[in-house]
Amino acid sequence: MSKKDKATVTLAESDYLLIESLRRYYGLNTVKSAVRRCILHAYEDAKSHPYFKKVYSEVSDEIKEETK
């Protein structure tokens, strides 16, 4: 296994460890629920920052263009 492959496996394992730990901490039934909870917490932290607002607006505009 190459160093890159080992790094990818290590990252995947640490991601799983983090997500599974958060799932259990929040008492959630699925990994999907844990990921969603983490995303919502990150959004709550970021939404008041001007740069995030700019990026959010840009992404929103791109999505609107793609769905036309």
N, C-alpha and C. Protein backbone atom coordinates (compact mmCIF):
# COMPACT_ATOMS: atom_id res chain seq x y z
N MET A 1 0.86 -1.17 0.00
CA MET A 1 0.00 0.00 0.00
C MET A 1 0.91 1.24 0.00
N SER A 2 0.59 2.20 -0.86
CA SER A 2 1.40 3.41 -0.94
C SER A 2 1.15 4.31 0.27
N LYS A 3 2.04 5.29 0.44
CA LYS A 3 1.85 6.25 1.54
C LYS A 3 0.54 7.01 1.39
N LYS A 4 0.21 7.34 0.13
CA LYS A 4 -1.04 8.07 -0.12
C LYS A 4 -2.24 7.21 0.26
N ASP A 5 -2.21 5.94 -0.12
CA ASP A 5 -3.30 5.03 0.24
C ASP A 5 -3.42 4.88 1.75
N LYS A 6 -2.29 4.77 2.44
CA LYS A 6 -2.30 4.66 3.90
C LYS A 6 -2.88 5.92 4.53
N ALA A 7 -2.51 7.08 3.99
CA ALA A 7 -3.04 8.34 4.51
C ALA A 7 -4.54 8.42 4.31
N THR A 8 -5.01 7.95 3.15
CA THR A 8 -6.45 7.97 2.87
C THR A 8 -7.20 7.06 3.82
N VAL A 9 -6.66 5.87 4.07
CA VAL A 9 -7.28 4.94 5.00
C VAL A 9 -7.29 5.53 6.40
N THR A 10 -6.19 6.14 6.82
CA THR A 10 -6.11 6.74 8.15
C THR A 10 -7.12 7.87 8.28
N LEU A 11 -7.25 8.70 7.25
CA LEU A 11 -8.23 9.78 7.27
C LEU A 11 -9.64 9.21 7.34
N ALA A 12 -9.92 8.20 6.55
CA ALA A 12 -11.25 7.59 6.57
C ALA A 12 -11.55 7.01 7.95
N GLU A 13 -10.57 6.37 8.55
CA GLU A 13 -10.77 5.80 9.88
C GLU A 13 -11.02 6.90 10.92
N SER A 14 -10.26 7.99 10.83
CA SER A 14 -10.45 9.06 11.80
C SER A 14 -11.78 9.77 11.58
N ASP A 15 -12.20 9.90 10.31
CA ASP A 15 -13.51 10.47 10.02
C ASP A 15 -14.61 9.59 10.59
N TYR A 16 -14.49 8.29 10.40
CA TYR A 16 -15.48 7.37 10.93
C TYR A 16 -15.51 7.44 12.46
N LEU A 17 -14.35 7.47 13.07
CA LEU A 17 -14.27 7.56 14.54
C LEU A 17 -14.98 8.81 15.03
N LEU A 18 -14.72 9.93 14.39
CA LEU A 18 -15.34 11.19 14.79
C LEU A 18 -16.85 11.15 14.59
N ILE A 19 -17.30 10.72 13.43
CA ILE A 19 -18.73 10.71 13.14
C ILE A 19 -19.47 9.72 14.04
N GLU A 20 -18.91 8.54 14.22
CA GLU A 20 -19.55 7.55 15.08
C GLU A 20 -19.61 8.02 16.53
N SER A 21 -18.55 8.68 16.99
CA SER A 21 -18.53 9.21 18.36
C SER A 21 -19.60 10.29 18.51
N LEU A 22 -19.72 11.17 17.53
CA LEU A 22 -20.76 12.21 17.59
C LEU A 22 -22.16 11.61 17.52
N ARG A 23 -22.33 10.57 16.72
CA ARG A 23 -23.64 9.92 16.62
C ARG A 23 -24.05 9.40 17.99
N ARG A 24 -23.13 8.75 18.66
CA ARG A 24 -23.45 8.21 19.99
C ARG A 24 -23.63 9.32 21.02
N TYR A 25 -22.79 10.34 20.96
CA TYR A 25 -22.89 11.47 21.89
C TYR A 25 -24.25 12.13 21.82
N TYR A 26 -24.74 12.36 20.60
CA TYR A 26 -26.04 13.00 20.43
C TYR A 26 -27.20 12.02 20.54
N GLY A 27 -26.91 10.74 20.68
CA GLY A 27 -27.95 9.73 20.81
C GLY A 27 -28.75 9.55 19.53
N LEU A 28 -28.08 9.66 18.41
CA LEU A 28 -28.75 9.55 17.12
C LEU A 28 -28.67 8.12 16.59
N ASN A 29 -29.63 7.77 15.74
CA ASN A 29 -29.71 6.40 15.23
C ASN A 29 -28.85 6.16 14.00
N THR A 30 -28.56 7.19 13.22
CA THR A 30 -27.83 6.97 11.98
C THR A 30 -26.64 7.92 11.84
N VAL A 31 -25.68 7.50 11.05
CA VAL A 31 -24.53 8.35 10.73
C VAL A 31 -25.01 9.58 9.97
N LYS A 32 -25.99 9.40 9.10
CA LYS A 32 -26.54 10.52 8.34
C LYS A 32 -27.04 11.62 9.29
N SER A 33 -27.70 11.22 10.35
CA SER A 33 -28.19 12.19 11.33
C SER A 33 -27.04 12.91 12.02
N ALA A 34 -25.97 12.19 12.32
CA ALA A 34 -24.82 12.80 12.98
C ALA A 34 -24.14 13.81 12.06
N VAL A 35 -23.99 13.45 10.78
CA VAL A 35 -23.37 14.36 9.82
C VAL A 35 -24.23 15.61 9.67
N ARG A 36 -25.53 15.41 9.56
CA ARG A 36 -26.43 16.56 9.43
C ARG A 36 -26.33 17.48 10.65
N ARG A 37 -26.30 16.90 11.84
CA ARG A 37 -26.19 17.70 13.07
C ARG A 37 -24.89 18.51 13.06
N CYS A 38 -23.80 17.89 12.63
CA CYS A 38 -22.51 18.59 12.57
C CYS A 38 -22.55 19.73 11.57
N ILE A 39 -23.17 19.48 10.42
CA ILE A 39 -23.27 20.53 9.40
C ILE A 39 -24.11 21.69 9.93
N LEU A 40 -25.20 21.40 10.60
CA LEU A 40 -26.04 22.47 11.14
C LEU A 40 -25.30 23.28 12.21
N HIS A 41 -24.51 22.61 13.05
CA HIS A 41 -23.73 23.33 14.05
C HIS A 41 -22.68 24.21 13.38
N ALA A 42 -22.02 23.69 12.36
CA ALA A 42 -21.02 24.48 11.64
C ALA A 42 -21.67 25.68 10.97
N TYR A 43 -22.86 25.47 10.39
CA TYR A 43 -23.58 26.58 9.76
C TYR A 43 -23.93 27.65 10.79
N GLU A 44 -24.40 27.25 11.95
CA GLU A 44 -24.74 28.21 13.01
C GLU A 44 -23.53 29.05 13.40
N ASP A 45 -22.36 28.42 13.45
CA ASP A 45 -21.13 29.14 13.78
C ASP A 45 -20.71 30.10 12.68
N ALA A 46 -20.93 29.71 11.43
CA ALA A 46 -20.39 30.47 10.29
C ALA A 46 -21.34 31.53 9.74
N LYS A 47 -22.62 31.39 9.94
CA LYS A 47 -23.59 32.23 9.22
C LYS A 47 -23.48 33.72 9.49
N SER A 48 -22.87 34.11 10.58
CA SER A 48 -22.76 35.54 10.87
C SER A 48 -21.48 36.17 10.31
N HIS A 49 -20.58 35.37 9.77
CA HIS A 49 -19.33 35.88 9.24
C HIS A 49 -19.53 36.42 7.81
N PRO A 50 -19.05 37.60 7.52
CA PRO A 50 -19.23 38.21 6.20
C PRO A 50 -18.72 37.35 5.05
N TYR A 51 -17.56 36.71 5.21
CA TYR A 51 -17.03 35.90 4.11
C TYR A 51 -17.95 34.72 3.84
N PHE A 52 -18.47 34.08 4.88
CA PHE A 52 -19.39 32.97 4.68
C PHE A 52 -20.64 33.44 3.93
N LYS A 53 -21.15 34.59 4.31
CA LYS A 53 -22.34 35.12 3.63
C LYS A 53 -22.07 35.31 2.14
N LYS A 54 -20.87 35.80 1.81
CA LYS A 54 -20.48 36.01 0.41
C LYS A 54 -20.42 34.67 -0.33
N VAL A 55 -19.74 33.70 0.25
CA VAL A 55 -19.61 32.38 -0.37
C VAL A 55 -20.98 31.72 -0.51
N TYR A 56 -21.79 31.80 0.52
CA TYR A 56 -23.14 31.21 0.51
C TYR A 56 -23.97 31.80 -0.63
N SER A 57 -23.88 33.10 -0.79
CA SER A 57 -24.62 33.78 -1.86
C SER A 57 -24.12 33.33 -3.23
N GLU A 58 -22.81 33.21 -3.39
CA GLU A 58 -22.24 32.76 -4.67
C GLU A 58 -22.71 31.34 -5.01
N VAL A 59 -22.65 30.46 -4.05
CA VAL A 59 -23.07 29.07 -4.27
C VAL A 59 -24.56 29.02 -4.59
N SER A 60 -25.34 29.80 -3.88
CA SER A 60 -26.78 29.86 -4.13
C SER A 60 -27.07 30.30 -5.57
N ASP A 61 -26.35 31.32 -6.01
CA ASP A 61 -26.52 31.80 -7.40
C ASP A 61 -26.12 30.73 -8.41
N GLU A 62 -25.02 30.02 -8.14
CA GLU A 62 -24.58 28.95 -9.05
C GLU A 62 -25.62 27.85 -9.14
N ILE A 63 -26.20 27.47 -8.02
CA ILE A 63 -27.22 26.42 -8.01
C ILE A 63 -28.44 26.86 -8.80
N LYS A 64 -28.84 28.11 -8.62
CA LYS A 64 -29.99 28.63 -9.36
C LYS A 64 -29.73 28.59 -10.86
N GLU A 65 -28.50 28.93 -11.28
CA GLU A 65 -28.13 28.90 -12.69
C GLU A 65 -28.17 27.47 -13.24
N GLU A 66 -27.68 26.52 -12.46
CA GLU A 66 -27.63 25.13 -12.89
C GLU A 66 -29.01 24.51 -13.02
N THR A 67 -29.95 24.99 -12.24
CA THR A 67 -31.29 24.38 -12.25
C THR A 67 -32.25 25.05 -13.21
N LYS A 68 -31.76 26.06 -13.93
CA LYS A 68 -32.63 26.73 -14.92
C LYS A 68 -32.83 25.87 -16.13
